[in-house]
């Protein structure tokens, strides 16, 4: 029997993904995309003990956990027990964390510099930049990564706000592979251009509203990385379809979502439901039911 993951339109899946207990329930994903999708969902777990337990299920050891036990930026670093590669995963927005909401809302652009604080890398979202430097988080992550062997492979990932922070960190680590899920736009075109040539993939789940903000508009926001689109049926399209095809798919998805409209505990729009981390996981793993 093939394991399937049911599409989840509940408020719990969207707002409190860290309350789940089904992380890595079918073992460790064998490809980087699926592994990072699950790691980005796992980043929402708030308790270090639970985090270590779930990482153990996947054959990983916790290297560092920053921001746990308080509001604000939260990230963990985990290394495969067999060695060879490390994952850095940032937590996304928590609705009950005011600092996250303030970070999301401060969308004016500010200068972003390299890890040494001297080279300009374009301009980025002011709130995301502040979250990156909160409690010296980025500096502490970089100290950990700089101590790894030079041939060590590093994957950087996150969902939502976590995807934005992952993108900013990846701008400091040219050799890292970046995988983002439900990412907002992070910076301007100049910042996006500094990421050209990097291994960076941005996953968008059909109607996900967060991937459409901040608008490109007068501030010049632009997305980072190669687009990989998950259609309304949960099929991941490695080659991005045209804008017209995506708009048609999204319109059909919104109509089909009406069957959830009167179900207790669900969100009211697919534009929100598609943002839930579990719905990204089911899409990239090809297990959507």
Protein backbone atom coordinates (compact mmCIF):
# COMPACT_ATOMS: atom_id res chain seq x y z
CA UNK A 1 0.00 0.00 0.00
CA UNK A 2 1.36 3.43 -0.99
CA UNK A 3 1.43 5.95 1.85
CA UNK A 4 -0.54 9.13 1.11
CA UNK A 5 -0.82 12.53 2.82
CA UNK A 6 -4.26 14.09 2.79
CA UNK A 7 -4.58 17.73 1.75
CA UNK A 8 -4.99 19.64 5.02
CA UNK A 9 -7.16 22.77 5.02
CA UNK A 10 -7.33 23.13 8.81
CA UNK A 11 -6.34 26.19 10.78
CA UNK A 12 -4.19 23.93 12.96
CA UNK A 13 -2.04 22.85 9.99
CA UNK A 14 -1.59 26.45 8.88
CA UNK A 15 -1.12 28.21 12.22
CA UNK A 16 0.44 25.56 14.47
CA UNK A 17 2.43 23.07 12.34
CA UNK A 18 4.83 22.48 15.23
CA UNK A 19 2.09 20.71 17.22
CA UNK A 20 2.20 17.74 14.84
CA UNK A 21 3.78 14.42 15.82
CA UNK A 22 4.12 12.82 12.39
CA UNK A 23 7.51 14.17 11.37
CA UNK A 24 9.51 11.69 9.29
CA UNK A 25 6.78 9.12 9.81
CA UNK A 26 7.76 7.26 6.64
CA UNK A 27 11.49 7.51 7.20
CA UNK A 28 14.14 9.85 5.89
CA UNK A 29 13.41 11.33 2.45
CA UNK A 30 16.03 10.32 -0.07
CA UNK A 31 16.11 13.56 -2.05
CA UNK A 32 17.12 17.02 -0.88
CA UNK A 33 13.81 18.68 -1.77
CA UNK A 34 11.64 16.37 0.33
CA UNK A 35 14.17 16.38 3.17
CA UNK A 36 14.19 20.18 3.28
CA UNK A 37 10.38 20.36 3.06
CA UNK A 38 10.14 18.20 6.19
CA UNK A 39 12.99 20.02 7.94
CA UNK A 40 11.29 23.37 7.29
CA UNK A 41 8.08 21.99 8.83
CA UNK A 42 10.05 20.59 11.76
CA UNK A 43 11.50 24.05 12.42
CA UNK A 44 8.10 25.01 13.90
CA UNK A 45 8.56 22.63 16.84
CA UNK A 46 9.26 24.81 19.87
CA UNK A 47 10.72 22.28 22.33
CA UNK A 48 14.34 21.21 21.92
CA UNK A 49 13.62 17.76 23.35
CA UNK A 50 10.96 17.06 20.72
CA UNK A 51 13.20 18.52 18.02
CA UNK A 52 16.04 16.13 18.93
CA UNK A 53 13.61 13.19 18.99
CA UNK A 54 12.26 13.87 15.51
CA UNK A 55 15.73 14.51 14.10
CA UNK A 56 16.76 11.14 15.51
CA UNK A 57 13.94 9.49 13.56
CA UNK A 58 15.56 10.83 10.39
CA UNK A 59 19.11 9.85 11.33
CA UNK A 60 20.24 13.38 12.20
CA UNK A 61 21.93 14.84 15.25
CA UNK A 62 21.11 18.30 16.56
CA UNK A 63 24.12 20.53 16.24
CA UNK A 64 22.68 23.83 17.38
CA UNK A 65 19.26 25.22 18.27
CA UNK A 66 18.94 28.99 18.52
CA UNK A 67 15.97 31.03 19.68
CA UNK A 68 14.18 28.21 21.48
CA UNK A 69 12.27 29.13 24.60
CA UNK A 70 11.65 32.73 23.54
CA UNK A 71 9.91 34.77 20.87
CA UNK A 72 11.67 35.83 17.71
CA UNK A 73 13.95 34.13 15.22
CA UNK A 74 14.31 30.37 15.67
CA UNK A 75 16.65 28.09 13.73
CA UNK A 76 18.22 24.68 14.13
CA UNK A 77 21.30 23.10 12.58
CA UNK A 78 21.38 19.32 12.16
CA UNK A 79 24.00 16.99 10.71
CA UNK A 80 23.41 13.56 9.19
CA UNK A 81 24.79 10.90 11.52
CA UNK A 82 26.61 9.33 8.62
CA UNK A 83 28.37 12.65 8.09
CA UNK A 84 28.78 14.55 4.89
CA UNK A 85 26.07 17.18 5.07
CA UNK A 86 24.28 19.59 7.35
CA UNK A 87 20.84 21.22 7.22
CA UNK A 88 20.07 24.70 8.51
CA UNK A 89 16.30 25.22 8.96
CA UNK A 90 14.58 28.45 9.99
CA UNK A 91 11.12 28.66 11.57
CA UNK A 92 8.41 30.60 9.79
CA UNK A 93 5.85 33.03 11.19
CA UNK A 94 4.06 32.11 14.40
CA UNK A 95 0.67 33.90 14.63
CA UNK A 96 1.01 34.26 18.40
CA UNK A 97 4.53 35.72 18.25
CA UNK A 98 4.28 39.54 17.95
CA UNK A 99 7.91 39.89 16.88
CA UNK A 100 7.26 37.68 13.83
CA UNK A 101 4.25 39.75 12.85
CA UNK A 102 6.23 42.99 13.17
CA UNK A 103 9.06 41.52 11.08
CA UNK A 104 6.62 40.51 8.33
CA UNK A 105 4.98 43.95 8.30
CA UNK A 106 8.14 46.08 7.94
CA UNK A 107 8.48 45.77 4.18
CA UNK A 108 10.52 48.89 3.41
CA UNK A 109 13.90 48.08 1.88
CA UNK A 110 17.23 48.41 3.63
CA UNK A 111 20.82 47.79 2.54
CA UNK A 112 22.03 44.19 2.93
CA UNK A 113 25.74 43.52 3.28
CA UNK A 114 27.83 40.37 3.06
CA UNK A 115 28.91 38.33 6.09
CA UNK A 116 31.88 40.64 6.67
CA UNK A 117 29.60 43.67 6.73
CA UNK A 118 31.32 45.47 3.89
CA UNK A 119 30.15 44.25 0.48
CA UNK A 120 26.73 45.51 -0.61
CA UNK A 121 24.33 42.78 -1.76
CA UNK A 122 21.40 44.95 -2.79
CA UNK A 123 18.43 45.89 -0.63
CA UNK A 124 16.15 43.58 1.36
CA UNK A 125 13.00 43.63 3.46
CA UNK A 126 13.73 45.62 6.62
CA UNK A 127 11.85 43.27 8.95
CA UNK A 128 13.60 40.18 7.60
CA UNK A 129 16.99 41.86 7.96
CA UNK A 130 16.26 42.73 11.59
CA UNK A 131 15.14 39.16 12.31
CA UNK A 132 18.40 37.86 10.80
CA UNK A 133 20.49 39.88 13.22
CA UNK A 134 18.30 39.34 16.30
CA UNK A 135 20.40 38.07 19.21
CA UNK A 136 23.30 37.65 16.78
CA UNK A 137 21.60 34.64 15.19
CA UNK A 138 23.25 34.87 11.77
CA UNK A 139 26.67 35.41 13.29
CA UNK A 140 26.29 32.33 15.46
CA UNK A 141 25.09 30.20 12.55
CA UNK A 142 28.01 31.37 10.41
CA UNK A 143 30.48 30.52 13.18
CA UNK A 144 29.10 26.97 13.22
CA UNK A 145 29.19 26.61 9.43
CA UNK A 146 32.70 28.06 9.14
CA UNK A 147 33.97 25.34 11.49
CA UNK A 148 32.75 22.56 9.16
CA UNK A 149 35.13 20.84 6.72
CA UNK A 150 35.39 22.65 3.39
CA UNK A 151 33.92 19.73 1.46
CA UNK A 152 30.91 19.51 3.79
CA UNK A 153 27.60 19.96 1.97
CA UNK A 154 25.19 22.52 3.46
CA UNK A 155 21.45 22.74 2.76
CA UNK A 156 19.63 25.89 3.90
CA UNK A 157 15.85 25.85 4.10
CA UNK A 158 12.74 27.37 5.61
CA UNK A 159 9.05 28.00 5.11
CA UNK A 160 7.35 31.43 5.00
CA UNK A 161 9.35 33.88 7.16
CA UNK A 162 11.80 31.01 7.59
CA UNK A 163 12.21 30.87 3.80
CA UNK A 164 13.05 34.58 3.76
CA UNK A 165 15.69 34.13 6.46
CA UNK A 166 17.08 31.07 4.68
CA UNK A 167 17.47 33.18 1.54
CA UNK A 168 19.34 35.89 3.42
CA UNK A 169 21.69 33.36 5.00
CA UNK A 170 22.30 31.68 1.65
CA UNK A 171 23.48 35.03 0.29
CA UNK A 172 26.37 34.68 2.78
CA UNK A 173 27.13 31.03 1.95
CA UNK A 174 27.75 30.76 -1.82
CA UNK A 175 28.40 27.00 -1.72
CA UNK A 176 25.13 26.18 0.08
CA UNK A 177 22.05 24.73 -1.62
CA UNK A 178 18.92 26.79 -0.91
CA UNK A 179 15.42 25.29 -0.80
CA UNK A 180 12.52 27.59 0.13
CA UNK A 181 8.82 26.80 0.56
CA UNK A 182 6.10 29.44 0.49
CA UNK A 183 8.63 32.25 0.44
CA UNK A 184 7.65 35.90 0.24
CA UNK A 185 9.79 38.20 -1.88
CA UNK A 186 12.91 39.00 0.14
CA UNK A 187 14.66 41.86 -1.60
CA UNK A 188 15.00 43.96 -4.72
CA UNK A 189 16.22 42.96 -8.17
CA UNK A 190 19.81 43.85 -7.26
CA UNK A 191 19.70 41.43 -4.33
CA UNK A 192 18.12 38.70 -6.47
CA UNK A 193 20.87 39.21 -9.07
CA UNK A 194 23.56 38.44 -6.47
CA UNK A 195 22.00 34.98 -6.15
CA UNK A 196 22.23 34.22 -9.88
CA UNK A 197 24.18 31.05 -10.52
CA UNK A 198 23.52 29.65 -7.04
CA UNK A 199 21.72 26.36 -6.45
CA UNK A 200 18.46 27.88 -5.25
CA UNK A 201 14.95 26.54 -5.77
CA UNK A 202 11.75 28.28 -4.70
CA UNK A 203 8.68 26.08 -4.28
CA UNK A 204 5.23 27.61 -4.71
CA UNK A 205 2.09 25.68 -3.82
CA UNK A 206 -0.65 26.76 -6.25
CA UNK A 207 -2.66 29.59 -4.60
CA UNK A 208 -0.27 30.37 -1.72
CA UNK A 209 -0.83 34.07 -1.00
CA UNK A 210 2.44 34.57 0.87
CA UNK A 211 4.46 33.94 -2.29
CA UNK A 212 2.84 37.02 -3.85
CA UNK A 213 3.98 39.54 -1.22
CA UNK A 214 5.43 42.09 -0.91
CA UNK A 215 4.27 43.11 -4.39
CA UNK A 216 6.90 43.81 -7.03
CA UNK A 217 5.45 47.33 -7.41
CA UNK A 218 7.32 50.59 -6.84
CA UNK A 219 9.84 49.15 -4.35
CA UNK A 220 11.15 46.73 -6.96
CA UNK A 221 10.84 43.48 -5.03
CA UNK A 222 11.90 40.35 -6.93
CA UNK A 223 11.92 36.62 -6.15
CA UNK A 224 15.11 34.59 -5.73
CA UNK A 225 15.77 31.17 -7.21
CA UNK A 226 14.32 28.84 -9.81
CA UNK A 227 10.55 28.44 -9.53
CA UNK A 228 9.11 24.96 -9.01
CA UNK A 229 5.31 25.02 -9.05
CA UNK A 230 2.97 22.58 -7.27
CA UNK A 231 -0.37 22.48 -9.07
CA UNK A 232 -3.83 22.21 -7.50
CA UNK A 233 -3.69 18.40 -7.54
CA UNK A 234 -0.38 18.29 -5.70
CA UNK A 235 1.80 17.54 -8.71
CA UNK A 236 5.19 19.24 -8.65
CA UNK A 237 6.15 20.72 -12.02
CA UNK A 238 9.92 21.02 -12.22
CA UNK A 239 9.65 23.31 -15.24
CA UNK A 240 7.64 26.37 -14.29
CA UNK A 241 4.48 26.78 -16.41
CA UNK A 242 3.51 30.10 -17.96
CA UNK A 243 1.80 32.79 -15.91
CA UNK A 244 -1.44 32.13 -17.78
CA UNK A 245 -1.37 28.42 -17.00
CA UNK A 246 -0.72 29.08 -13.31
CA UNK A 247 -3.53 31.64 -13.10
CA UNK A 248 -5.95 29.16 -14.70
CA UNK A 249 -4.86 26.43 -12.29
CA UNK A 250 -5.28 28.75 -9.31
CA UNK A 251 -8.78 29.79 -10.41
CA UNK A 252 -9.88 26.16 -10.67
CA UNK A 253 -8.31 25.44 -7.28
CA UNK A 254 -10.29 28.21 -5.60
CA UNK A 255 -13.56 26.82 -6.99
CA UNK A 256 -12.71 23.27 -5.92
CA UNK A 257 -11.87 24.55 -2.43
CA UNK A 258 -15.50 25.54 -1.84
CA UNK A 259 -16.17 22.02 -0.53
CA UNK A 260 -14.12 22.96 2.55
CA UNK A 261 -15.92 26.27 3.11
CA UNK A 262 -18.43 25.05 5.68
CA UNK A 263 -16.23 22.46 7.38
CA UNK A 264 -15.52 23.33 11.01
CA UNK A 265 -11.90 24.22 11.74
CA UNK A 266 -10.82 24.94 8.18
CA UNK A 267 -9.46 28.20 6.79
CA UNK A 268 -11.75 30.17 4.51
CA UNK A 269 -9.55 30.37 1.42
CA UNK A 270 -7.21 28.13 -0.52
CA UNK A 271 -4.84 31.09 -0.72
CA UNK A 272 -4.24 30.43 2.99
CA UNK A 273 -4.59 26.64 3.09
CA UNK A 274 -1.98 26.19 0.38
CA UNK A 275 0.56 27.92 2.64
CA UNK A 276 0.42 25.15 5.28
CA UNK A 277 3.79 23.33 5.48
CA UNK A 278 2.17 19.88 5.32
CA UNK A 279 0.66 20.75 1.94
CA UNK A 280 4.11 21.62 0.63
CA UNK A 281 5.46 18.33 1.95
CA UNK A 282 2.75 16.25 0.28
CA UNK A 283 3.33 18.08 -2.99
CA UNK A 284 7.10 17.76 -3.22
CA UNK A 285 6.95 14.11 -2.15
CA UNK A 286 4.22 13.30 -4.67
CA UNK A 287 2.01 11.91 -1.91
CA UNK A 288 -0.93 14.35 -2.02
CA UNK A 289 -4.31 12.71 -1.51
